[in-house]
Amino acid sequence: MGTTALIMMISAEGIIILFTAYFFWKVLVTPPKKEPDSYSDNDLVI
C-alpha cells in the first residue's frame, strides 16, 4: 500500500469515527421529549 492510499484510508476512517462519536454524544446528552399522556386524552369531561 502506498503512502497516499494509507493517508486516504486513515483520513476516511477518522472522519467516520468523528461523525459517529458526534452523533452518539448528541444522543446521550439530548433530554427526552415530553410526550403527551394518552390516558389523559381519554378521560371523560363532565
Protein backbone atom coordinates (compact mmCIF):
# COMPACT_ATOMS: atom_id res chain seq x y z
CA MET A 1 0.00 0.00 0.00
CA GLY A 2 1.36 3.36 -0.98
CA THR A 3 1.68 6.40 1.23
CA THR A 4 -1.18 8.21 -0.49
CA ALA A 5 -3.53 5.28 -0.06
CA LEU A 6 -2.61 4.96 3.62
CA ILE A 7 -3.25 8.67 4.23
CA MET A 8 -6.56 8.44 2.39
CA MET A 9 -7.65 5.36 4.36
CA ILE A 10 -6.75 6.88 7.74
CA SER A 11 -8.48 10.16 6.82
CA ALA A 12 -11.67 8.40 5.76
CA GLU A 13 -11.76 6.23 8.88
CA GLY A 14 -11.05 9.27 11.06
CA ILE A 15 -13.91 11.25 9.55
CA ILE A 16 -16.30 8.31 10.02
CA ILE A 17 -15.21 7.90 13.66
CA LEU A 18 -15.67 11.63 14.32
CA PHE A 19 -19.19 11.68 12.82
CA THR A 20 -20.15 8.55 14.75
CA ALA A 21 -18.81 9.94 18.04
CA TYR A 22 -20.51 13.31 17.48
CA PHE A 23 -23.97 11.85 16.87
CA PHE A 24 -23.56 9.27 19.66
CA TRP A 25 -22.70 12.10 22.08
CA LYS A 26 -25.64 14.13 20.78
CA VAL A 27 -27.99 11.22 21.51
CA LEU A 28 -26.56 10.83 25.02
CA VAL A 29 -26.88 14.48 26.07
CA THR A 30 -30.22 15.36 24.44
CA PRO A 31 -33.00 15.36 27.04
CA PRO A 32 -36.02 13.21 26.16
CA LYS A 33 -39.06 14.94 24.73
CA LYS A 34 -42.12 15.22 26.91
CA GLU A 35 -44.73 13.05 25.25
CA PRO A 36 -48.42 13.68 25.84
CA ASP A 37 -50.17 11.32 28.21
CA SER A 38 -52.54 9.26 26.09
CA TYR A 39 -54.63 8.29 29.10
CA SER A 40 -55.46 11.88 30.00
CA ASP A 41 -56.79 12.40 26.47
CA ASN A 42 -59.29 9.57 27.04
CA ASP A 43 -60.74 10.98 30.27
CA LEU A 44 -64.38 11.99 30.12
CA VAL A 45 -65.03 15.62 30.94
CA ILE A 46 -68.40 16.00 32.66
